[in-house]
Amino acid sequence: MKKHFLSALLTVFGTVVGISNASAVSFIPSELLPGDEYRLVFVTQGRSNATSSNINTYNNFVTNTANAPGAVGNLLEQADLCVTCEWKAIASTATVNAIDNTSTNFDNVNKGVPIYLVSDSPNMISSLTKIADNYEDLWDGSLDASIDRSERGIPQFQPTIQPSYVWTGTDSGGMAKPGVLALGSNQSSAGFYNFSGTTGGPLDERWIDDSSGLSPFPSGFNLRVYGISEILTVKSNSVPEPSSLIGLGMLTTLAIGTNFKRKLNKAKKK
């Protein structure tokens, strides 16, 4: 009887642990309400060269990265927040400006939606770091926080300088860099997402255009790329936080344990 009791406990505990680890990426800002719209950003963990003048090369790169199993796009689809999540590179070629590619244009009436950084919190719903209040804020030459987390929410930092750079081909206003520095040129401009050897990076225009530093680079170099999601909407039936599921699982475990104990006591009396 004791053996069966322990077996049941372990089975339920294993199930609870499995649920708690169902998501290792946060993608729903806890401050938002059902019906609120937002977007997510990340910097790719993988790298690409900038030799292509076709913007879809970079859009496909960030989309495949984000929608890989266990990455943020894949988890968004599982949570039914998008069907096939669409991601765009925050990048420009000679014929496409980043502000147009990412649909982050704005005017005095429609300034866009808030933009948040993907996180590696174990809860799907979490207090995510806000990068910009809206599209106007994104392209005003500064960020609220650096885009230094990957598609899995993991902080990205490198002990050397070059890997900390990101292909953008873009100026601080979202337009393609003039002077043949857009992506697909012999040399392309870059921003950078963190200071060498640390987490966190520049909050000024250098996040997208480090022309005052080492940028541009030969387009054959392999650097990271920023990705931004389509517009997402918080749903009223969003998946509850795993912490609440853990609590439910523990109650279930307790109930099963109590039931077994009662049966054990009855068996002893017979």
Protein backbone atom coordinates (compact mmCIF):
# COMPACT_ATOMS: atom_id res chain seq x y z
CA MET A 1 0.00 0.00 0.00
CA LYS A 2 2.82 2.40 0.90
CA LYS A 3 4.44 1.62 -2.42
CA HIS A 4 1.28 2.57 -4.31
CA PHE A 5 0.93 5.72 -2.23
CA LEU A 6 4.46 6.88 -3.05
CA SER A 7 3.98 5.98 -6.69
CA ALA A 8 0.86 8.13 -6.92
CA LEU A 9 2.61 11.03 -5.23
CA LEU A 10 5.55 10.85 -7.61
CA THR A 11 3.26 10.61 -10.63
CA VAL A 12 1.31 13.71 -9.68
CA PHE A 13 4.48 15.57 -8.70
CA GLY A 14 6.01 14.74 -12.08
CA THR A 15 2.91 16.02 -13.83
CA VAL A 16 3.00 19.26 -11.87
CA VAL A 17 6.68 19.79 -12.62
CA GLY A 18 5.96 19.15 -16.30
CA ILE A 19 3.25 21.83 -16.27
CA SER A 20 5.46 24.34 -14.48
CA ASN A 21 8.10 23.94 -17.18
CA ALA A 22 5.64 24.15 -20.06
CA SER A 23 6.94 27.63 -20.90
CA ALA A 24 10.40 28.99 -20.22
CA VAL A 25 9.60 32.21 -22.08
CA SER A 26 7.38 35.12 -21.02
CA PHE A 27 5.38 36.75 -23.78
CA ILE A 28 2.28 38.33 -22.18
CA PRO A 29 2.92 41.61 -20.26
CA SER A 30 1.19 41.35 -16.87
CA GLU A 31 0.33 45.07 -16.89
CA LEU A 32 -1.94 44.71 -19.94
CA LEU A 33 -5.64 43.87 -19.89
CA PRO A 34 -7.70 41.65 -22.22
CA GLY A 35 -8.12 43.45 -25.53
CA ASP A 36 -4.89 45.45 -25.19
CA GLU A 37 -2.47 45.28 -28.13
CA TYR A 38 1.31 45.03 -28.01
CA ARG A 39 4.36 43.74 -29.86
CA LEU A 40 7.45 41.77 -28.86
CA VAL A 41 11.11 42.20 -29.82
CA PHE A 42 14.25 40.11 -29.47
CA VAL A 43 17.76 39.83 -30.87
CA THR A 44 18.54 36.57 -32.65
CA GLN A 45 20.87 34.15 -30.93
CA GLY A 46 22.02 33.01 -34.37
CA ARG A 47 23.82 35.18 -36.90
CA SER A 48 23.52 36.07 -40.57
CA ASN A 49 25.56 37.93 -43.16
CA ALA A 50 24.15 41.05 -44.84
CA THR A 51 24.96 40.30 -48.47
CA SER A 52 21.35 40.03 -49.67
CA SER A 53 19.52 43.13 -50.92
CA ASN A 54 16.16 41.33 -50.50
CA ILE A 55 14.49 42.33 -47.22
CA ASN A 56 12.64 39.00 -47.09
CA THR A 57 15.97 37.24 -46.53
CA TYR A 58 16.15 38.91 -43.11
CA ASN A 59 12.42 38.63 -42.42
CA ASN A 60 12.61 34.88 -43.05
CA PHE A 61 15.68 34.60 -40.84
CA VAL A 62 13.97 36.18 -37.80
CA THR A 63 10.68 34.34 -38.48
CA ASN A 64 12.36 30.92 -38.63
CA THR A 65 14.33 31.80 -35.51
CA ALA A 66 11.28 32.95 -33.54
CA ASN A 67 9.01 30.10 -34.62
CA ALA A 68 11.47 27.29 -33.85
CA PRO A 69 10.28 24.74 -31.23
CA GLY A 70 10.46 26.26 -27.75
CA ALA A 71 11.08 29.79 -29.02
CA VAL A 72 8.70 32.69 -28.46
CA GLY A 73 6.78 32.47 -31.74
CA ASN A 74 6.16 28.76 -31.29
CA LEU A 75 4.82 29.36 -27.77
CA LEU A 76 2.62 32.24 -28.94
CA GLU A 77 1.02 29.88 -31.45
CA GLN A 78 0.47 27.26 -28.75
CA ALA A 79 -1.24 29.92 -26.60
CA ASP A 80 -3.44 30.83 -29.60
CA LEU A 81 -2.22 34.44 -29.65
CA CYS A 82 -1.41 34.11 -33.34
CA VAL A 83 -1.98 31.44 -35.99
CA THR A 84 1.32 31.51 -37.84
CA CYS A 85 3.23 34.26 -36.08
CA GLU A 86 4.69 36.82 -38.44
CA TRP A 87 7.99 38.44 -37.55
CA LYS A 88 9.92 41.19 -39.29
CA ALA A 89 13.55 42.21 -39.15
CA ILE A 90 14.19 45.71 -37.84
CA ALA A 91 16.37 46.34 -40.85
CA SER A 92 16.59 48.25 -44.13
CA THR A 93 17.75 47.47 -47.64
CA ALA A 94 18.28 50.09 -50.35
CA THR A 95 14.64 49.76 -51.42
CA VAL A 96 12.84 49.06 -48.10
CA ASN A 97 13.03 51.18 -44.96
CA ALA A 98 12.87 49.47 -41.56
CA ILE A 99 9.97 51.68 -40.49
CA ASP A 100 7.96 50.37 -43.46
CA ASN A 101 9.15 46.78 -43.21
CA THR A 102 8.05 46.58 -39.57
CA SER A 103 4.83 48.59 -40.05
CA THR A 104 5.90 50.99 -37.32
CA ASN A 105 4.86 54.16 -39.12
CA PHE A 106 2.97 56.64 -36.98
CA ASP A 107 1.21 60.00 -37.06
CA ASN A 108 -0.23 62.43 -34.51
CA VAL A 109 -3.40 60.38 -34.16
CA ASN A 110 -2.10 56.80 -34.33
CA LYS A 111 1.23 56.42 -32.58
CA GLY A 112 1.14 52.62 -32.48
CA VAL A 113 1.26 50.05 -29.67
CA PRO A 114 3.75 49.40 -26.84
CA ILE A 115 6.72 47.14 -27.54
CA TYR A 116 8.11 44.67 -24.99
CA LEU A 117 11.23 42.53 -24.69
CA VAL A 118 10.89 38.75 -24.62
CA SER A 119 11.86 37.35 -21.20
CA ASP A 120 13.04 33.99 -19.86
CA SER A 121 10.71 34.03 -16.84
CA PRO A 122 9.03 30.63 -16.22
CA ASN A 123 5.63 32.31 -16.36
CA MET A 124 3.94 33.06 -19.68
CA ILE A 125 2.41 36.16 -18.08
CA SER A 126 5.09 38.32 -16.52
CA SER A 127 6.25 41.89 -15.92
CA LEU A 128 8.07 42.27 -19.24
CA THR A 129 10.57 45.05 -19.91
CA LYS A 130 9.06 47.75 -22.11
CA ILE A 131 11.31 48.87 -24.95
CA ALA A 132 9.12 51.69 -26.23
CA ASP A 133 5.70 53.17 -25.40
CA ASN A 134 4.73 53.21 -29.08
CA TYR A 135 6.20 53.55 -32.59
CA GLU A 136 6.99 57.22 -32.17
CA ASP A 137 8.96 56.34 -29.05
CA LEU A 138 10.78 53.56 -30.92
CA TRP A 139 12.05 55.96 -33.58
CA ASP A 140 12.80 59.03 -31.46
CA GLY A 141 16.49 58.19 -31.11
CA SER A 142 16.34 56.36 -27.77
CA LEU A 143 14.94 53.23 -26.13
CA ASP A 144 13.57 52.60 -22.65
CA ALA A 145 15.72 49.44 -22.41
CA SER A 146 18.17 47.61 -24.65
CA ILE A 147 17.08 44.74 -26.92
CA ASP A 148 19.52 42.21 -25.50
CA ARG A 149 17.45 39.02 -25.09
CA SER A 150 17.09 36.19 -27.57
CA GLU A 151 14.04 34.48 -29.05
CA ARG A 152 14.07 32.30 -25.91
CA GLY A 153 14.34 35.28 -23.58
CA ILE A 154 17.95 34.54 -22.67
CA PRO A 155 20.23 37.57 -22.06
CA GLN A 156 22.84 37.86 -24.81
CA PHE A 157 26.29 39.20 -24.06
CA GLN A 158 29.69 38.50 -25.48
CA PRO A 159 33.26 38.98 -24.22
CA THR A 160 34.29 40.34 -27.62
CA ILE A 161 33.01 43.34 -29.56
CA GLN A 162 31.96 42.07 -32.99
CA PRO A 163 29.26 39.55 -31.88
CA SER A 164 27.55 42.33 -29.89
CA TYR A 165 26.62 44.07 -33.14
CA VAL A 166 23.37 43.73 -35.07
CA TRP A 167 22.77 44.19 -38.79
CA THR A 168 20.31 47.06 -39.34
CA GLY A 169 21.26 49.21 -42.35
CA THR A 170 19.06 51.79 -40.68
CA ASP A 171 19.30 55.26 -39.15
CA SER A 172 17.70 56.30 -35.84
CA GLY A 173 14.51 57.40 -37.62
CA GLY A 174 13.87 54.01 -39.23
CA MET A 175 15.09 54.93 -42.70
CA ALA A 176 17.69 53.13 -44.84
CA LYS A 177 21.18 54.46 -44.28
CA PRO A 178 22.31 56.64 -47.19
CA GLY A 179 25.69 56.31 -48.87
CA VAL A 180 25.29 52.65 -49.85
CA LEU A 181 25.21 51.40 -46.26
CA ALA A 182 21.86 49.58 -46.30
CA LEU A 183 21.84 45.78 -46.08
CA GLY A 184 22.95 44.19 -49.32
CA SER A 185 25.74 46.69 -49.97
CA ASN A 186 29.46 45.89 -49.82
CA GLN A 187 29.46 47.45 -46.37
CA SER A 188 26.40 47.74 -44.16
CA SER A 189 25.69 49.75 -41.06
CA ALA A 190 24.97 48.13 -37.72
CA GLY A 191 23.77 48.90 -34.22
CA PHE A 192 24.73 47.09 -31.06
CA TYR A 193 22.70 45.52 -28.31
CA ASN A 194 25.10 45.36 -25.38
CA PHE A 195 28.36 46.66 -24.05
CA SER A 196 31.20 44.16 -24.37
CA GLY A 197 31.14 41.52 -21.63
CA THR A 198 28.02 42.83 -19.85
CA THR A 199 24.25 42.70 -20.11
CA GLY A 200 22.51 45.91 -21.14
CA GLY A 201 23.43 48.16 -24.00
CA PRO A 202 23.10 51.68 -25.38
CA LEU A 203 19.73 53.40 -25.05
CA ASP A 204 20.56 56.15 -27.54
CA GLU A 205 20.60 55.91 -31.35
CA ARG A 206 23.51 53.47 -31.25
CA TRP A 207 21.05 50.61 -30.67
CA ILE A 208 20.18 50.90 -34.37
CA ASP A 209 23.00 53.00 -35.84
CA ASP A 210 26.50 52.96 -34.39
CA SER A 211 28.03 55.11 -37.14
CA SER A 212 29.99 56.96 -34.45
CA GLY A 213 31.66 53.69 -33.45
CA LEU A 214 32.91 50.68 -35.42
CA SER A 215 30.04 50.53 -37.91
CA PRO A 216 29.87 49.89 -40.88
CA PHE A 217 31.15 46.35 -41.35
CA PRO A 218 31.84 44.25 -44.46
CA SER A 219 28.52 42.61 -45.36
CA GLY A 220 30.10 39.15 -45.29
CA PHE A 221 30.43 39.33 -41.50
CA ASN A 222 27.96 37.26 -39.49
CA LEU A 223 26.02 39.40 -37.01
CA ARG A 224 22.72 39.12 -35.19
CA VAL A 225 19.41 40.67 -36.30
CA TYR A 226 16.59 42.33 -34.35
CA GLY A 227 13.14 40.76 -34.78
CA ILE A 228 9.73 42.28 -34.01
CA SER A 229 6.39 40.46 -33.87
CA GLU A 230 3.10 41.24 -35.54
CA ILE A 231 0.56 43.07 -33.36
CA LEU A 232 -0.62 40.73 -30.58
CA THR A 233 -3.81 41.03 -28.53
CA VAL A 234 -4.20 39.92 -24.92
CA LYS A 235 -7.05 37.42 -24.67
CA SER A 236 -9.42 37.04 -21.74
CA ASN A 237 -8.78 33.30 -21.78
CA SER A 238 -4.99 33.59 -21.82
CA VAL A 239 -3.28 30.56 -20.30
CA PRO A 240 -2.95 31.01 -16.50
CA GLU A 241 0.46 31.35 -14.96
CA PRO A 242 2.18 28.04 -14.19
CA SER A 243 2.48 29.17 -10.54
CA SER A 244 -1.30 28.87 -10.18
CA LEU A 245 -1.18 25.46 -11.86
CA ILE A 246 1.49 24.36 -9.39
CA GLY A 247 -0.80 25.37 -6.52
CA LEU A 248 -3.62 23.34 -8.05
CA GLY A 249 -1.28 20.38 -8.53
CA MET A 250 -0.16 20.49 -4.89
CA LEU A 251 -3.78 20.50 -3.73
CA THR A 252 -4.44 17.50 -5.97
CA THR A 253 -1.40 15.72 -4.51
CA LEU A 254 -2.63 16.44 -0.98
CA ALA A 255 -6.11 15.14 -1.80
CA ILE A 256 -4.72 11.92 -3.29
CA GLY A 257 -2.43 11.46 -0.30
CA THR A 258 -5.29 11.94 2.16
CA ASN A 259 -7.45 9.44 0.28
CA PHE A 260 -4.67 6.81 0.34
CA LYS A 261 -4.10 7.41 4.03
CA ARG A 262 -7.76 6.80 4.80
CA LYS A 263 -7.72 3.56 2.81
CA LEU A 264 -4.56 2.48 4.61
CA ASN A 265 -6.11 3.09 8.04
CA LYS A 266 -9.23 1.13 7.04
CA ALA A 267 -7.06 -1.78 5.88
CA LYS A 268 -5.23 -1.86 9.23
CA LYS A 269 -8.49 -2.02 11.20
CA LYS A 270 -9.71 -5.09 9.24
